[in-house]
Amino acid sequence: MKINPAIAFTLILLAAMVGAGIVSSSWGYALGRQALTGVRQPEARPSSASTANRSGSGSDFVLMKEDDILKDVKARIEGGLEAE
């Protein structure tokens, strides 16, 4: 029985793609597992009672003017200064 070269080539490519998929998925799993070492889930769920006891209303947030930000960025780019 003669094997059709087109079918043989297709099967070789299919096997190569399955192999590449297995290799890339195992590599991605290993990278993800390594990235998450030391990360733990919270010990308890946050409840609405704990958020009600917080002090402050969140009014400490201050918006900066865009012109001030642009001047600061331009000064840092041109002079390399650490302007505040």
PDB file of N, CA and C in Angstrom:
ATOM      1  N   MET A   1       0.839  -1.173   0.000  1.00  0.00           N
ATOM      2  CA  MET A   1       0.000   0.000   0.000  1.00  0.00           C
ATOM      3  C   MET A   1       0.885   1.237   0.000  1.00  0.00           C
ATOM      4  N   LYS A   2       0.609   2.116  -0.961  1.00  0.00           N
ATOM      5  CA  LYS A   2       1.404   3.326  -1.113  1.00  0.00           C
ATOM      6  C   LYS A   2       0.782   4.454  -0.292  1.00  0.00           C
ATOM      7  N   ILE A   3       1.640   5.218   0.404  1.00  0.00           N
ATOM      8  CA  ILE A   3       1.172   6.340   1.222  1.00  0.00           C
ATOM      9  C   ILE A   3       1.202   7.605   0.374  1.00  0.00           C
ATOM     10  N   ASN A   4       0.100   8.303   0.401  1.00  0.00           N
ATOM     11  CA  ASN A   4       0.005   9.563  -0.331  1.00  0.00           C
ATOM     12  C   ASN A   4       0.915  10.588   0.352  1.00  0.00           C
ATOM     13  N   PRO A   5       1.827  11.238  -0.401  1.00  0.00           N
ATOM     14  CA  PRO A   5       2.753  12.200   0.207  1.00  0.00           C
ATOM     15  C   PRO A   5       2.038  13.404   0.833  1.00  0.00           C
ATOM     16  N   ALA A   6       0.928  13.822   0.268  1.00  0.00           N
ATOM     17  CA  ALA A   6       0.200  14.965   0.823  1.00  0.00           C
ATOM     18  C   ALA A   6      -0.369  14.620   2.198  1.00  0.00           C
ATOM     19  N   ILE A   7      -0.881  13.415   2.339  1.00  0.00           N
ATOM     20  CA  ILE A   7      -1.432  12.998   3.632  1.00  0.00           C
ATOM     21  C   ILE A   7      -0.308  12.818   4.653  1.00  0.00           C
ATOM     22  N   ALA A   8       0.816  12.266   4.227  1.00  0.00           N
ATOM     23  CA  ALA A   8       1.952  12.091   5.131  1.00  0.00           C
ATOM     24  C   ALA A   8       2.464  13.448   5.612  1.00  0.00           C
ATOM     25  N   PHE A   9       2.590  14.397   4.691  1.00  0.00           N
ATOM     26  CA  PHE A   9       3.052  15.739   5.052  1.00  0.00           C
ATOM     27  C   PHE A   9       2.070  16.408   6.007  1.00  0.00           C
ATOM     28  N   THR A  10       0.777  16.234   5.755  1.00  0.00           N
ATOM     29  CA  THR A  10      -0.245  16.810   6.634  1.00  0.00           C
ATOM     30  C   THR A  10      -0.160  16.214   8.032  1.00  0.00           C
ATOM     31  N   LEU A  11       0.029  14.912   8.115  1.00  0.00           N
ATOM     32  CA  LEU A  11       0.136  14.267   9.424  1.00  0.00           C
ATOM     33  C   LEU A  11       1.404  14.686  10.167  1.00  0.00           C
ATOM     34  N   ILE A  12       2.493  14.873   9.429  1.00  0.00           N
ATOM     35  CA  ILE A  12       3.735  15.346  10.055  1.00  0.00           C
ATOM     36  C   ILE A  12       3.543  16.753  10.607  1.00  0.00           C
ATOM     37  N   LEU A  13       2.913  17.623   9.822  1.00  0.00           N
ATOM     38  CA  LEU A  13       2.658  18.988  10.295  1.00  0.00           C
ATOM     39  C   LEU A  13       1.709  18.993  11.487  1.00  0.00           C
ATOM     40  N   LEU A  14       0.700  18.148  11.453  1.00  0.00           N
ATOM     41  CA  LEU A  14      -0.239  18.064  12.567  1.00  0.00           C
ATOM     42  C   LEU A  14       0.468  17.601  13.840  1.00  0.00           C
ATOM     43  N   ALA A  15       1.329  16.609  13.713  1.00  0.00           N
ATOM     44  CA  ALA A  15       2.079  16.123  14.876  1.00  0.00           C
ATOM     45  C   ALA A  15       3.024  17.201  15.399  1.00  0.00           C
ATOM     46  N   ALA A  16       3.642  17.955  14.494  1.00  0.00           N
ATOM     47  CA  ALA A  16       4.537  19.035  14.919  1.00  0.00           C
ATOM     48  C   ALA A  16       3.767  20.126  15.654  1.00  0.00           C
ATOM     49  N   MET A  17       2.582  20.456  15.180  1.00  0.00           N
ATOM     50  CA  MET A  17       1.781  21.493  15.839  1.00  0.00           C
ATOM     51  C   MET A  17       1.287  21.024  17.204  1.00  0.00           C
ATOM     52  N   VAL A  18       0.914  19.765  17.320  1.00  0.00           N
ATOM     53  CA  VAL A  18       0.494  19.238  18.620  1.00  0.00           C
ATOM     54  C   VAL A  18       1.678  19.257  19.588  1.00  0.00           C
ATOM     55  N   GLY A  19       2.838  18.868  19.116  1.00  0.00           N
ATOM     56  CA  GLY A  19       4.039  18.901  19.955  1.00  0.00           C
ATOM     57  C   GLY A  19       4.392  20.314  20.387  1.00  0.00           C
ATOM     58  N   ALA A  20       4.302  21.267  19.454  1.00  0.00           N
ATOM     59  CA  ALA A  20       4.590  22.660  19.800  1.00  0.00           C
ATOM     60  C   ALA A  20       3.573  23.189  20.801  1.00  0.00           C
ATOM     61  N   GLY A  21       2.329  22.798  20.673  1.00  0.00           N
ATOM     62  CA  GLY A  21       1.307  23.222  21.624  1.00  0.00           C
ATOM     63  C   GLY A  21       1.563  22.680  23.014  1.00  0.00           C
ATOM     64  N   ILE A  22       1.977  21.437  23.098  1.00  0.00           N
ATOM     65  CA  ILE A  22       2.275  20.834  24.400  1.00  0.00           C
ATOM     66  C   ILE A  22       3.477  21.520  25.044  1.00  0.00           C
ATOM     67  N   VAL A  23       4.507  21.773  24.252  1.00  0.00           N
ATOM     68  CA  VAL A  23       5.706  22.429  24.787  1.00  0.00           C
ATOM     69  C   VAL A  23       5.385  23.840  25.255  1.00  0.00           C
ATOM     70  N   SER A  24       4.660  24.611  24.448  1.00  0.00           N
ATOM     71  CA  SER A  24       4.367  25.996  24.831  1.00  0.00           C
ATOM     72  C   SER A  24       3.414  26.066  26.018  1.00  0.00           C
ATOM     73  N   SER A  25       2.469  25.145  26.100  1.00  0.00           N
ATOM     74  CA  SER A  25       1.556  25.177  27.245  1.00  0.00           C
ATOM     75  C   SER A  25       2.268  24.789  28.534  1.00  0.00           C
ATOM     76  N   SER A  26       3.152  23.819  28.481  1.00  0.00           N
ATOM     77  CA  SER A  26       3.888  23.449  29.697  1.00  0.00           C
ATOM     78  C   SER A  26       4.856  24.550  30.105  1.00  0.00           C
ATOM     79  N   TRP A  27       5.449  25.229  29.148  1.00  0.00           N
ATOM     80  CA  TRP A  27       6.343  26.348  29.455  1.00  0.00           C
ATOM     81  C   TRP A  27       5.549  27.496  30.070  1.00  0.00           C
ATOM     82  N   GLY A  28       4.390  27.804  29.524  1.00  0.00           N
ATOM     83  CA  GLY A  28       3.540  28.857  30.082  1.00  0.00           C
ATOM     84  C   GLY A  28       3.062  28.516  31.475  1.00  0.00           C
ATOM     85  N   TYR A  29       2.724  27.271  31.707  1.00  0.00           N
ATOM     86  CA  TYR A  29       2.306  26.841  33.046  1.00  0.00           C
ATOM     87  C   TYR A  29       3.450  27.008  34.036  1.00  0.00           C
ATOM     88  N   ALA A  30       4.652  26.626  33.623  1.00  0.00           N
ATOM     89  CA  ALA A  30       5.811  26.745  34.512  1.00  0.00           C
ATOM     90  C   ALA A  30       6.113  28.212  34.814  1.00  0.00           C
ATOM     91  N   LEU A  31       6.034  29.073  33.804  1.00  0.00           N
ATOM     92  CA  LEU A  31       6.278  30.501  34.030  1.00  0.00           C
ATOM     93  C   LEU A  31       5.227  31.100  34.949  1.00  0.00           C
ATOM     94  N   GLY A  32       3.977  30.749  34.745  1.00  0.00           N
ATOM     95  CA  GLY A  32       2.909  31.265  35.593  1.00  0.00           C
ATOM     96  C   GLY A  32       3.024  30.777  37.018  1.00  0.00           C
ATOM     97  N   ARG A  33       3.390  29.528  37.178  1.00  0.00           N
ATOM     98  CA  ARG A  33       3.551  28.978  38.527  1.00  0.00           C
ATOM     99  C   ARG A  33       4.705  29.659  39.248  1.00  0.00           C
ATOM    100  N   GLN A  34       5.785  29.922  38.525  1.00  0.00           N
ATOM    101  CA  GLN A  34       6.932  30.601  39.119  1.00  0.00           C
ATOM    102  C   GLN A  34       6.584  32.043  39.472  1.00  0.00           C
ATOM    103  N   ALA A  35       5.785  32.695  38.645  1.00  0.00           N
ATOM    104  CA  ALA A  35       5.409  34.084  38.905  1.00  0.00           C
ATOM    105  C   ALA A  35       4.514  34.201  40.127  1.00  0.00           C
ATOM    106  N   LEU A  36       3.760  33.163  40.425  1.00  0.00           N
ATOM    107  CA  LEU A  36       2.828  33.223  41.544  1.00  0.00           C
ATOM    108  C   LEU A  36       3.376  32.618  42.835  1.00  0.00           C
ATOM    109  N   THR A  37       4.646  32.262  42.862  1.00  0.00           N
ATOM    110  CA  THR A  37       5.199  31.739  44.107  1.00  0.00           C
ATOM    111  C   THR A  37       5.229  32.855  45.142  1.00  0.00           C
ATOM    112  N   GLY A  38       4.795  32.546  46.325  1.00  0.00           N
ATOM    113  CA  GLY A  38       4.759  33.537  47.397  1.00  0.00           C
ATOM    114  C   GLY A  38       3.473  34.324  47.455  1.00  0.00           C
ATOM    115  N   VAL A  39       2.592  34.157  46.501  1.00  0.00           N
ATOM    116  CA  VAL A  39       1.310  34.860  46.510  1.00  0.00           C
ATOM    117  C   VAL A  39       0.294  33.953  47.187  1.00  0.00           C
ATOM    118  N   ARG A  40      -0.403  34.506  48.166  1.00  0.00           N
ATOM    119  CA  ARG A  40      -1.395  33.722  48.893  1.00  0.00           C
ATOM    120  C   ARG A  40      -2.751  34.389  48.788  1.00  0.00           C
ATOM    121  N   GLN A  41      -3.778  33.600  48.999  1.00  0.00           N
ATOM    122  CA  GLN A  41      -5.129  34.140  49.039  1.00  0.00           C
ATOM    123  C   GLN A  41      -5.336  34.860  50.356  1.00  0.00           C
ATOM    124  N   PRO A  42      -6.228  35.829  50.388  1.00  0.00           N
ATOM    125  CA  PRO A  42      -6.527  36.483  51.659  1.00  0.00           C
ATOM    126  C   PRO A  42      -7.079  35.468  52.662  1.00  0.00           C
ATOM    127  N   GLU A  43      -6.797  35.702  53.927  1.00  0.00           N
ATOM    128  CA  GLU A  43      -7.232  34.762  54.956  1.00  0.00           C
ATOM    129  C   GLU A  43      -8.728  34.822  55.200  1.00  0.00           C
ATOM    130  N   ALA A  44      -9.325  35.989  55.024  1.00  0.00           N
ATOM    131  CA  ALA A  44     -10.759  36.131  55.266  1.00  0.00           C
ATOM    132  C   ALA A  44     -11.350  37.039  54.200  1.00  0.00           C
ATOM    133  N   ARG A  45     -12.634  36.887  53.992  1.00  0.00           N
ATOM    134  CA  ARG A  45     -13.311  37.753  53.034  1.00  0.00           C
ATOM    135  C   ARG A  45     -13.560  39.115  53.658  1.00  0.00           C
ATOM    136  N   PRO A  46     -13.399  40.172  52.887  1.00  0.00           N
ATOM    137  CA  PRO A  46     -13.740  41.486  53.429  1.00  0.00           C
ATOM    138  C   PRO A  46     -15.252  41.591  53.590  1.00  0.00           C
ATOM    139  N   SER A  47     -15.664  42.171  54.675  1.00  0.00           N
ATOM    140  CA  SER A  47     -17.099  42.308  54.912  1.00  0.00           C
ATOM    141  C   SER A  47     -17.484  43.773  54.871  1.00  0.00           C
ATOM    142  N   SER A  48     -18.756  44.014  54.749  1.00  0.00           N
ATOM    143  CA  SER A  48     -19.229  45.394  54.701  1.00  0.00           C
ATOM    144  C   SER A  48     -19.052  46.080  56.045  1.00  0.00           C
ATOM    145  N   ALA A  49     -18.986  45.326  57.133  1.00  0.00           N
ATOM    146  CA  ALA A  49     -18.794  45.921  58.460  1.00  0.00           C
ATOM    147  C   ALA A  49     -17.398  46.515  58.590  1.00  0.00           C
ATOM    148  N   SER A  50     -16.410  45.870  57.999  1.00  0.00           N
ATOM    149  CA  SER A  50     -15.052  46.399  58.109  1.00  0.00           C
ATOM    150  C   SER A  50     -14.887  47.669  57.281  1.00  0.00           C
ATOM    151  N   THR A  51     -15.599  47.783  56.191  1.00  0.00           N
ATOM    152  CA  THR A  51     -15.499  49.004  55.396  1.00  0.00           C
ATOM    153  C   THR A  51     -16.255  50.144  56.040  1.00  0.00           C
ATOM    154  N   ALA A  52     -17.263  49.847  56.846  1.00  0.00           N
ATOM    155  CA  ALA A  52     -18.021  50.904  57.509  1.00  0.00           C
ATOM    156  C   ALA A  52     -17.231  51.519  58.648  1.00  0.00           C
ATOM    157  N   ASN A  53     -16.276  50.781  59.220  1.00  0.00           N
ATOM    158  CA  ASN A  53     -15.505  51.276  60.351  1.00  0.00           C
ATOM    159  C   ASN A  53     -14.297  52.106  59.939  1.00  0.00           C
ATOM    160  N   ARG A  54     -14.037  52.225  58.676  1.00  0.00           N
ATOM    161  CA  ARG A  54     -12.877  52.984  58.225  1.00  0.00           C
ATOM    162  C   ARG A  54     -13.079  54.468  58.474  1.00  0.00           C
ATOM    163  N   SER A  55     -11.997  55.106  58.874  1.00  0.00           N
ATOM    164  CA  SER A  55     -12.072  56.550  59.083  1.00  0.00           C
ATOM    165  C   SER A  55     -11.708  57.260  57.787  1.00  0.00           C
ATOM    166  N   GLY A  56     -12.243  58.443  57.589  1.00  0.00           N
ATOM    167  CA  GLY A  56     -11.976  59.204  56.381  1.00  0.00           C
ATOM    168  C   GLY A  56     -13.012  58.936  55.324  1.00  0.00           C
ATOM    169  N   SER A  57     -13.279  59.943  54.561  1.00  0.00           N
ATOM    170  CA  SER A  57     -14.301  59.805  53.533  1.00  0.00           C
ATOM    171  C   SER A  57     -13.695  59.732  52.142  1.00  0.00           C
ATOM    172  N   GLY A  58     -12.378  59.636  52.071  1.00  0.00           N
ATOM    173  CA  GLY A  58     -11.743  59.580  50.770  1.00  0.00           C
ATOM    174  C   GLY A  58     -11.559  60.945  50.153  1.00  0.00           C
ATOM    175  N   SER A  59     -11.670  61.994  50.945  1.00  0.00           N
ATOM    176  CA  SER A  59     -11.534  63.349  50.411  1.00  0.00           C
ATOM    177  C   SER A  59     -10.079  63.790  50.366  1.00  0.00           C
ATOM    178  N   ASP A  60      -9.142  62.903  50.686  1.00  0.00           N
ATOM    179  CA  ASP A  60      -7.724  63.237  50.646  1.00  0.00           C
ATOM    180  C   ASP A  60      -7.190  63.261  49.220  1.00  0.00           C
ATOM    181  N   PHE A  61      -7.983  62.862  48.280  1.00  0.00           N
ATOM    182  CA  PHE A  61      -7.576  62.802  46.887  1.00  0.00           C
ATOM    183  C   PHE A  61      -7.571  64.204  46.289  1.00  0.00           C
ATOM    184  N   VAL A  62      -6.428  64.625  45.742  1.00  0.00           N
ATOM    185  CA  VAL A  62      -6.291  65.966  45.179  1.00  0.00           C
ATOM    186  C   VAL A  62      -5.896  65.830  43.714  1.00  0.00           C
ATOM    187  N   LEU A  63      -6.625  66.490  42.845  1.00  0.00           N
ATOM    188  CA  LEU A  63      -6.298  66.487  41.429  1.00  0.00           C
ATOM    189  C   LEU A  63      -5.270  67.569  41.139  1.00  0.00           C
ATOM    190  N   MET A  64      -4.320  67.232  40.273  1.00  0.00           N
ATOM    191  CA  MET A  64      -3.313  68.215  39.880  1.00  0.00           C
ATOM    192  C   MET A  64      -3.729  68.831  38.557  1.00  0.00           C
ATOM    193  N   LYS A  65      -3.256  70.036  38.319  1.00  0.00           N
ATOM    194  CA  LYS A  65      -3.545  70.702  37.056  1.00  0.00           C
ATOM    195  C   LYS A  65      -2.673  70.096  35.963  1.00  0.00           C
ATOM    196  N   GLU A  66      -3.250  70.000  34.787  1.00  0.00           N
ATOM    197  CA  GLU A  66      -2.534  69.392  33.673  1.00  0.00           C
ATOM    198  C   GLU A  66      -1.312  70.208  33.293  1.00  0.00           C
ATOM    199  N   ASP A  67      -1.416  71.530  33.351  1.00  0.00           N
ATOM    200  CA  ASP A  67      -0.283  72.384  33.001  1.00  0.00           C
ATOM    201  C   ASP A  67       0.903  72.140  33.934  1.00  0.00           C
ATOM    202  N   ASP A  68       0.624  71.951  35.222  1.00  0.00           N
ATOM    203  CA  ASP A  68       1.703  71.687  36.172  1.00  0.00           C
ATOM    204  C   ASP A  68       2.385  70.354  35.871  1.00  0.00           C
ATOM    205  N   ILE A  69       1.598  69.370  35.510  1.00  0.00           N
ATOM    206  CA  ILE A  69       2.156  68.055  35.187  1.00  0.00           C
ATOM    207  C   ILE A  69       3.020  68.136  33.935  1.00  0.00           C
ATOM    208  N   LEU A  70       2.528  68.835  32.909  1.00  0.00           N
ATOM    209  CA  LEU A  70       3.289  68.958  31.669  1.00  0.00           C
ATOM    210  C   LEU A  70       4.584  69.727  31.886  1.00  0.00           C
ATOM    211  N   LYS A  71       4.555  70.776  32.708  1.00  0.00           N
ATOM    212  CA  LYS A  71       5.774  71.532  33.009  1.00  0.00           C
ATOM    213  C   LYS A  71       6.778  70.649  33.738  1.00  0.00           C
ATOM    214  N   ASP A  72       6.305  69.861  34.664  1.00  0.00           N
ATOM    215  CA  ASP A  72       7.178  68.964  35.416  1.00  0.00           C
ATOM    216  C   ASP A  72       7.818  67.928  34.494  1.00  0.00           C
ATOM    217  N   VAL A  73       7.032  67.348  33.607  1.00  0.00           N
ATOM    218  CA  VAL A  73       7.552  66.343  32.676  1.00  0.00           C
ATOM    219  C   VAL A  73       8.559  66.966  31.725  1.00  0.00           C
ATOM    220  N   LYS A  74       8.262  68.148  31.219  1.00  0.00           N
ATOM    221  CA  LYS A  74       9.176  68.818  30.295  1.00  0.00           C
ATOM    222  C   LYS A  74      10.489  69.152  30.992  1.00  0.00           C
ATOM    223  N   ALA A  75      10.416  69.603  32.248  1.00  0.00           N
ATOM    224  CA  ALA A  75      11.638  69.908  32.994  1.00  0.00           C
ATOM    225  C   ALA A  75      12.468  68.650  33.224  1.00  0.00           C
ATOM    226  N   ARG A  76      11.817  67.542  33.497  1.00  0.00           N
ATOM    227  CA  ARG A  76      12.552  66.295  33.712  1.00  0.00           C
ATOM    228  C   ARG A  76      13.203  65.809  32.427  1.00  0.00           C
ATOM    229  N   ILE A  77      12.507  65.953  31.307  1.00  0.00           N
ATOM    230  CA  ILE A  77      13.050  65.477  30.033  1.00  0.00           C
ATOM    231  C   ILE A  77      14.226  66.334  29.596  1.00  0.00           C
ATOM    232  N   GLU A  78      14.068  67.635  29.674  1.00  0.00           N
ATOM    233  CA  GLU A  78      15.106  68.534  29.171  1.00  0.00           C
ATOM    234  C   GLU A  78      16.311  68.607  30.097  1.00  0.00           C
ATOM    235  N   GLY A  79      16.066  68.721  31.381  1.00  0.00           N
ATOM    236  CA  GLY A  79      17.183  68.921  32.291  1.00  0.00           C
ATOM    237  C   GLY A  79      17.553  67.711  33.105  1.00  0.00           C
ATOM    238  N   GLY A  80      16.744  66.708  33.064  1.00  0.00           N
ATOM    239  CA  GLY A  80      17.001  65.537  33.876  1.00  0.00           C
ATOM    240  C   GLY A  80      16.843  65.816  35.357  1.00  0.00           C
ATOM    241  N   LEU A  81      16.080  66.830  35.696  1.00  0.00           N
ATOM    242  CA  LEU A  81      15.896  67.224  37.085  1.00  0.00           C
ATOM    243  C   LEU A  81      14.792  66.404  37.723  1.00  0.00           C
ATOM    244  N   GLU A  82      14.902  66.223  39.006  1.00  0.00           N
ATOM    245  CA  GLU A  82      13.854  65.550  39.771  1.00  0.00           C
ATOM    246  C   GLU A  82      12.972  66.614  40.394  1.00  0.00           C
ATOM    247  N   ALA A  83      12.173  67.287  39.580  1.00  0.00           N
ATOM    248  CA  ALA A  83      11.300  68.351  40.080  1.00  0.00           C
ATOM    249  C   ALA A  83      10.115  67.748  40.800  1.00  0.00           C
ATOM    250  N   GLU A  84       9.629  68.443  41.798  1.00  0.00           N
ATOM    251  CA  GLU A  84       8.476  67.969  42.579  1.00  0.00           C
ATOM    252  C   GLU A  84       7.221  68.619  42.081  1.00  0.00           C
TER     253      GLU A  84
END
